[in-house]
Amino acid sequence: MSANVGTIDRILRILAGLALLAWAAFFNGPVWAWIGVLPFVTGVLRVCPAYSLLGVNTCGLKK
């Protein structure tokens, strides 16, 4: 799979994922906060399966 998550999108995903995970792990957040694993992993890997299905690409122009 090729990268389809751009830089700004990637940063936002990683920060949101870390925030949710920290909330769940350290601040007794709700169980659903563990969903932060998904945006964190998609941000780190720069690949979003949902973007692939929908044909979205935030990486910009590629040569």
PDB file of N, CA and C in Angstrom:
ATOM      1  N   MET A   1       0.837  -1.179   0.000  1.00  0.00           N
ATOM      2  CA  MET A   1       0.000   0.000   0.000  1.00  0.00           C
ATOM      3  C   MET A   1       0.878   1.236   0.000  1.00  0.00           C
ATOM      4  N   SER A   2       0.492   2.200  -0.807  1.00  0.00           N
ATOM      5  CA  SER A   2       1.268   3.433  -0.854  1.00  0.00           C
ATOM      6  C   SER A   2       0.728   4.440   0.158  1.00  0.00           C
ATOM      7  N   ALA A   3       1.582   5.352   0.535  1.00  0.00           N
ATOM      8  CA  ALA A   3       1.212   6.365   1.534  1.00  0.00           C
ATOM      9  C   ALA A   3       0.094   7.245   0.992  1.00  0.00           C
ATOM     10  N   ASN A   4      -0.927   7.482   1.805  1.00  0.00           N
ATOM     11  CA  ASN A   4      -2.018   8.358   1.397  1.00  0.00           C
ATOM     12  C   ASN A   4      -2.390   9.361   2.488  1.00  0.00           C
ATOM     13  N   VAL A   5      -1.525   9.514   3.486  1.00  0.00           N
ATOM     14  CA  VAL A   5      -1.753  10.462   4.578  1.00  0.00           C
ATOM     15  C   VAL A   5      -0.652  11.514   4.522  1.00  0.00           C
ATOM     16  N   GLY A   6      -1.051  12.781   4.337  1.00  0.00           N
ATOM     17  CA  GLY A   6      -0.098  13.883   4.225  1.00  0.00           C
ATOM     18  C   GLY A   6       0.479  14.303   5.568  1.00  0.00           C
ATOM     19  N   THR A   7       1.365  15.275   5.534  1.00  0.00           N
ATOM     20  CA  THR A   7       2.108  15.702   6.711  1.00  0.00           C
ATOM     21  C   THR A   7       1.211  16.282   7.807  1.00  0.00           C
ATOM     22  N   ILE A   8       0.366  17.236   7.463  1.00  0.00           N
ATOM     23  CA  ILE A   8      -0.502  17.843   8.474  1.00  0.00           C
ATOM     24  C   ILE A   8      -1.480  16.818   9.015  1.00  0.00           C
ATOM     25  N   ASP A   9      -2.060  16.031   8.123  1.00  0.00           N
ATOM     26  CA  ASP A   9      -2.982  14.958   8.520  1.00  0.00           C
ATOM     27  C   ASP A   9      -2.274  13.971   9.449  1.00  0.00           C
ATOM     28  N   ARG A  10      -1.044  13.665   9.118  1.00  0.00           N
ATOM     29  CA  ARG A  10      -0.253  12.725   9.913  1.00  0.00           C
ATOM     30  C   ARG A  10      -0.005  13.259  11.325  1.00  0.00           C
ATOM     31  N   ILE A  11       0.387  14.509  11.428  1.00  0.00           N
ATOM     32  CA  ILE A  11       0.656  15.118  12.732  1.00  0.00           C
ATOM     33  C   ILE A  11      -0.606  15.134  13.588  1.00  0.00           C
ATOM     34  N   LEU A  12      -1.723  15.527  12.980  1.00  0.00           N
ATOM     35  CA  LEU A  12      -2.990  15.570  13.718  1.00  0.00           C
ATOM     36  C   LEU A  12      -3.417  14.188  14.190  1.00  0.00           C
ATOM     37  N   ARG A  13      -3.236  13.182  13.346  1.00  0.00           N
ATOM     38  CA  ARG A  13      -3.590  11.812  13.730  1.00  0.00           C
ATOM     39  C   ARG A  13      -2.729  11.318  14.900  1.00  0.00           C
ATOM     40  N   ILE A  14      -1.439  11.565  14.829  1.00  0.00           N
ATOM     41  CA  ILE A  14      -0.543  11.114  15.889  1.00  0.00           C
ATOM     42  C   ILE A  14      -0.866  11.817  17.203  1.00  0.00           C
ATOM     43  N   LEU A  15      -1.071  13.125  17.162  1.00  0.00           N
ATOM     44  CA  LEU A  15      -1.393  13.871  18.381  1.00  0.00           C
ATOM     45  C   LEU A  15      -2.738  13.449  18.971  1.00  0.00           C
ATOM     46  N   ALA A  16      -3.743  13.288  18.119  1.00  0.00           N
ATOM     47  CA  ALA A  16      -5.064  12.862  18.606  1.00  0.00           C
ATOM     48  C   ALA A  16      -4.994  11.452  19.182  1.00  0.00           C
ATOM     49  N   GLY A  17      -4.264  10.570  18.503  1.00  0.00           N
ATOM     50  CA  GLY A  17      -4.115   9.210  18.994  1.00  0.00           C
ATOM     51  C   GLY A  17      -3.406   9.153  20.332  1.00  0.00           C
ATOM     52  N   LEU A  18      -2.324   9.909  20.465  1.00  0.00           N
ATOM     53  CA  LEU A  18      -1.599   9.942  21.731  1.00  0.00           C
ATOM     54  C   LEU A  18      -2.441  10.532  22.851  1.00  0.00           C
ATOM     55  N   ALA A  19      -3.214  11.566  22.529  1.00  0.00           N
ATOM     56  CA  ALA A  19      -4.073  12.181  23.539  1.00  0.00           C
ATOM     57  C   ALA A  19      -5.121  11.188  24.039  1.00  0.00           C
ATOM     58  N   LEU A  20      -5.761  10.478  23.129  1.00  0.00           N
ATOM     59  CA  LEU A  20      -6.761   9.482  23.532  1.00  0.00           C
ATOM     60  C   LEU A  20      -6.136   8.347  24.334  1.00  0.00           C
ATOM     61  N   LEU A  21      -4.981   7.883  23.901  1.00  0.00           N
ATOM     62  CA  LEU A  21      -4.314   6.794  24.613  1.00  0.00           C
ATOM     63  C   LEU A  21      -3.867   7.226  26.007  1.00  0.00           C
ATOM     64  N   ALA A  22      -3.350   8.441  26.115  1.00  0.00           N
ATOM     65  CA  ALA A  22      -2.945   8.946  27.430  1.00  0.00           C
ATOM     66  C   ALA A  22      -4.148   9.082  28.349  1.00  0.00           C
ATOM     67  N   TRP A  23      -5.254   9.564  27.796  1.00  0.00           N
ATOM     68  CA  TRP A  23      -6.479   9.708  28.580  1.00  0.00           C
ATOM     69  C   TRP A  23      -6.936   8.353  29.100  1.00  0.00           C
ATOM     70  N   ALA A  24      -6.905   7.342  28.236  1.00  0.00           N
ATOM     71  CA  ALA A  24      -7.348   6.004  28.633  1.00  0.00           C
ATOM     72  C   ALA A  24      -6.387   5.362  29.629  1.00  0.00           C
ATOM     73  N   ALA A  25      -5.100   5.522  29.414  1.00  0.00           N
ATOM     74  CA  ALA A  25      -4.114   4.812  30.222  1.00  0.00           C
ATOM     75  C   ALA A  25      -3.805   5.486  31.555  1.00  0.00           C
ATOM     76  N   PHE A  26      -3.687   6.806  31.554  1.00  0.00           N
ATOM     77  CA  PHE A  26      -3.208   7.495  32.745  1.00  0.00           C
ATOM     78  C   PHE A  26      -4.263   8.271  33.525  1.00  0.00           C
ATOM     79  N   PHE A  27      -5.371   8.590  32.881  1.00  0.00           N
ATOM     80  CA  PHE A  27      -6.384   9.429  33.528  1.00  0.00           C
ATOM     81  C   PHE A  27      -7.724   8.722  33.676  1.00  0.00           C
ATOM     82  N   ASN A  28      -7.704   7.408  33.667  1.00  0.00           N
ATOM     83  CA  ASN A  28      -8.911   6.598  33.839  1.00  0.00           C
ATOM     84  C   ASN A  28     -10.035   7.016  32.902  1.00  0.00           C
ATOM     85  N   GLY A  29      -9.679   7.212  31.637  1.00  0.00           N
ATOM     86  CA  GLY A  29     -10.678   7.563  30.634  1.00  0.00           C
ATOM     87  C   GLY A  29     -11.557   6.367  30.316  1.00  0.00           C
ATOM     88  N   PRO A  30     -12.581   6.587  29.526  1.00  0.00           N
ATOM     89  CA  PRO A  30     -13.483   5.494  29.179  1.00  0.00           C
ATOM     90  C   PRO A  30     -12.790   4.468  28.280  1.00  0.00           C
ATOM     91  N   VAL A  31     -13.373   3.298  28.214  1.00  0.00           N
ATOM     92  CA  VAL A  31     -12.792   2.210  27.419  1.00  0.00           C
ATOM     93  C   VAL A  31     -12.691   2.594  25.947  1.00  0.00           C
ATOM     94  N   TRP A  32     -13.666   3.350  25.447  1.00  0.00           N
ATOM     95  CA  TRP A  32     -13.640   3.702  24.030  1.00  0.00           C
ATOM     96  C   TRP A  32     -12.448   4.587  23.666  1.00  0.00           C
ATOM     97  N   ALA A  33     -11.773   5.179  24.642  1.00  0.00           N
ATOM     98  CA  ALA A  33     -10.623   6.035  24.348  1.00  0.00           C
ATOM     99  C   ALA A  33      -9.443   5.234  23.781  1.00  0.00           C
ATOM    100  N   TRP A  34      -9.475   3.914  23.970  1.00  0.00           N
ATOM    101  CA  TRP A  34      -8.420   3.077  23.386  1.00  0.00           C
ATOM    102  C   TRP A  34      -8.480   3.055  21.866  1.00  0.00           C
ATOM    103  N   ILE A  35      -9.549   3.602  21.294  1.00  0.00           N
ATOM    104  CA  ILE A  35      -9.652   3.715  19.837  1.00  0.00           C
ATOM    105  C   ILE A  35      -8.540   4.622  19.296  1.00  0.00           C
ATOM    106  N   GLY A  36      -7.862   5.336  20.186  1.00  0.00           N
ATOM    107  CA  GLY A  36      -6.741   6.181  19.797  1.00  0.00           C
ATOM    108  C   GLY A  36      -5.603   5.420  19.141  1.00  0.00           C
ATOM    109  N   VAL A  37      -5.614   4.104  19.287  1.00  0.00           N
ATOM    110  CA  VAL A  37      -4.604   3.275  18.620  1.00  0.00           C
ATOM    111  C   VAL A  37      -4.725   3.438  17.100  1.00  0.00           C
ATOM    112  N   LEU A  38      -5.944   3.524  16.595  1.00  0.00           N
ATOM    113  CA  LEU A  38      -6.147   3.612  15.141  1.00  0.00           C
ATOM    114  C   LEU A  38      -5.564   4.878  14.526  1.00  0.00           C
ATOM    115  N   PRO A  39      -5.904   6.067  15.017  1.00  0.00           N
ATOM    116  CA  PRO A  39      -5.287   7.242  14.393  1.00  0.00           C
ATOM    117  C   PRO A  39      -3.773   7.296  14.605  1.00  0.00           C
ATOM    118  N   PHE A  40      -3.304   6.797  15.742  1.00  0.00           N
ATOM    119  CA  PHE A  40      -1.863   6.798  15.982  1.00  0.00           C
ATOM    120  C   PHE A  40      -1.139   5.910  14.962  1.00  0.00           C
ATOM    121  N   VAL A  41      -1.627   4.698  14.774  1.00  0.00           N
ATOM    122  CA  VAL A  41      -0.981   3.764  13.834  1.00  0.00           C
ATOM    123  C   VAL A  41      -1.080   4.266  12.396  1.00  0.00           C
ATOM    124  N   THR A  42      -2.239   4.779  11.996  1.00  0.00           N
ATOM    125  CA  THR A  42      -2.364   5.277  10.624  1.00  0.00           C
ATOM    126  C   THR A  42      -1.481   6.508  10.405  1.00  0.00           C
ATOM    127  N   GLY A  43      -1.271   7.298  11.451  1.00  0.00           N
ATOM    128  CA  GLY A  43      -0.371   8.444  11.323  1.00  0.00           C
ATOM    129  C   GLY A  43       1.077   8.022  11.211  1.00  0.00           C
ATOM    130  N   VAL A  44       1.474   7.050  11.996  1.00  0.00           N
ATOM    131  CA  VAL A  44       2.865   6.577  11.963  1.00  0.00           C
ATOM    132  C   VAL A  44       3.164   5.867  10.639  1.00  0.00           C
ATOM    133  N   LEU A  45       2.246   5.040  10.182  1.00  0.00           N
ATOM    134  CA  LEU A  45       2.474   4.281   8.949  1.00  0.00           C
ATOM    135  C   LEU A  45       2.179   5.081   7.677  1.00  0.00           C
ATOM    136  N   ARG A  46       1.480   6.221   7.815  1.00  0.00           N
ATOM    137  CA  ARG A  46       1.095   7.080   6.693  1.00  0.00           C
ATOM    138  C   ARG A  46       0.165   6.392   5.714  1.00  0.00           C
ATOM    139  N   VAL A  47      -0.553   5.374   6.177  1.00  0.00           N
ATOM    140  CA  VAL A  47      -1.505   4.656   5.331  1.00  0.00           C
ATOM    141  C   VAL A  47      -2.821   4.537   6.081  1.00  0.00           C
ATOM    142  N   CYS A  48      -3.900   4.986   5.440  1.00  0.00           N
ATOM    143  CA  CYS A  48      -5.227   4.876   6.028  1.00  0.00           C
ATOM    144  C   CYS A  48      -6.085   4.008   5.109  1.00  0.00           C
ATOM    145  N   PRO A  49      -6.509   2.826   5.587  1.00  0.00           N
ATOM    146  CA  PRO A  49      -7.333   1.958   4.753  1.00  0.00           C
ATOM    147  C   PRO A  49      -8.649   2.611   4.327  1.00  0.00           C
ATOM    148  N   ALA A  50      -9.239   3.419   5.182  1.00  0.00           N
ATOM    149  CA  ALA A  50     -10.489   4.101   4.819  1.00  0.00           C
ATOM    150  C   ALA A  50     -10.245   5.088   3.672  1.00  0.00           C
ATOM    151  N   TYR A  51      -9.132   5.796   3.702  1.00  0.00           N
ATOM    152  CA  TYR A  51      -8.794   6.701   2.606  1.00  0.00           C
ATOM    153  C   TYR A  51      -8.642   5.924   1.302  1.00  0.00           C
ATOM    154  N   SER A  52      -8.033   4.739   1.364  1.00  0.00           N
ATOM    155  CA  SER A  52      -7.865   3.919   0.165  1.00  0.00           C
ATOM    156  C   SER A  52      -9.215   3.525  -0.425  1.00  0.00           C
ATOM    157  N   LEU A  53     -10.142   3.125   0.433  1.00  0.00           N
ATOM    158  CA  LEU A  53     -11.472   2.732  -0.039  1.00  0.00           C
ATOM    159  C   LEU A  53     -12.235   3.905  -0.648  1.00  0.00           C
ATOM    160  N   LEU A  54     -12.059   5.087  -0.067  1.00  0.00           N
ATOM    161  CA  LEU A  54     -12.784   6.268  -0.534  1.00  0.00           C
ATOM    162  C   LEU A  54     -12.054   7.032  -1.635  1.00  0.00           C
ATOM    163  N   GLY A  55     -10.826   6.656  -1.918  1.00  0.00           N
ATOM    164  CA  GLY A  55     -10.049   7.326  -2.955  1.00  0.00           C
ATOM    165  C   GLY A  55      -9.494   8.674  -2.527  1.00  0.00           C
ATOM    166  N   VAL A  56      -9.284   8.862  -1.238  1.00  0.00           N
ATOM    167  CA  VAL A  56      -8.758  10.123  -0.708  1.00  0.00           C
ATOM    168  C   VAL A  56      -7.247  10.012  -0.556  1.00  0.00           C
ATOM    169  N   ASN A  57      -6.553  11.101  -0.881  1.00  0.00           N
ATOM    170  CA  ASN A  57      -5.105  11.142  -0.737  1.00  0.00           C
ATOM    171  C   ASN A  57      -4.719  12.548  -0.287  1.00  0.00           C
ATOM    172  N   THR A  58      -4.174  12.688   0.917  1.00  0.00           N
ATOM    173  CA  THR A  58      -3.777  14.003   1.418  1.00  0.00           C
ATOM    174  C   THR A  58      -2.267  14.233   1.298  1.00  0.00           C
ATOM    175  N   CYS A  59      -1.577  13.352   0.597  1.00  0.00           N
ATOM    176  CA  CYS A  59      -0.126  13.483   0.452  1.00  0.00           C
ATOM    177  C   CYS A  59       0.270  14.613  -0.474  1.00  0.00           C
ATOM    178  N   GLY A  60      -0.574  15.035  -1.343  1.00  0.00           N
ATOM    179  CA  GLY A  60      -0.210  16.066  -2.301  1.00  0.00           C
ATOM    180  C   GLY A  60       0.195  15.424  -3.621  1.00  0.00           C
ATOM    181  N   LEU A  61       0.841  16.213  -4.435  1.00  0.00           N
ATOM    182  CA  LEU A  61       1.235  15.734  -5.766  1.00  0.00           C
ATOM    183  C   LEU A  61       2.490  14.875  -5.679  1.00  0.00           C
ATOM    184  N   LYS A  62       2.476  13.797  -6.425  1.00  0.00           N
ATOM    185  CA  LYS A  62       3.655  12.937  -6.508  1.00  0.00           C
ATOM    186  C   LYS A  62       4.115  12.908  -7.964  1.00  0.00           C
ATOM    187  N   LYS A  63       5.429  12.904  -8.143  1.00  0.00           N
ATOM    188  CA  LYS A  63       5.981  12.896  -9.504  1.00  0.00           C
ATOM    189  C   LYS A  63       6.083  11.486 -10.031  1.00  0.00           C
TER     190      LYS A  63
END
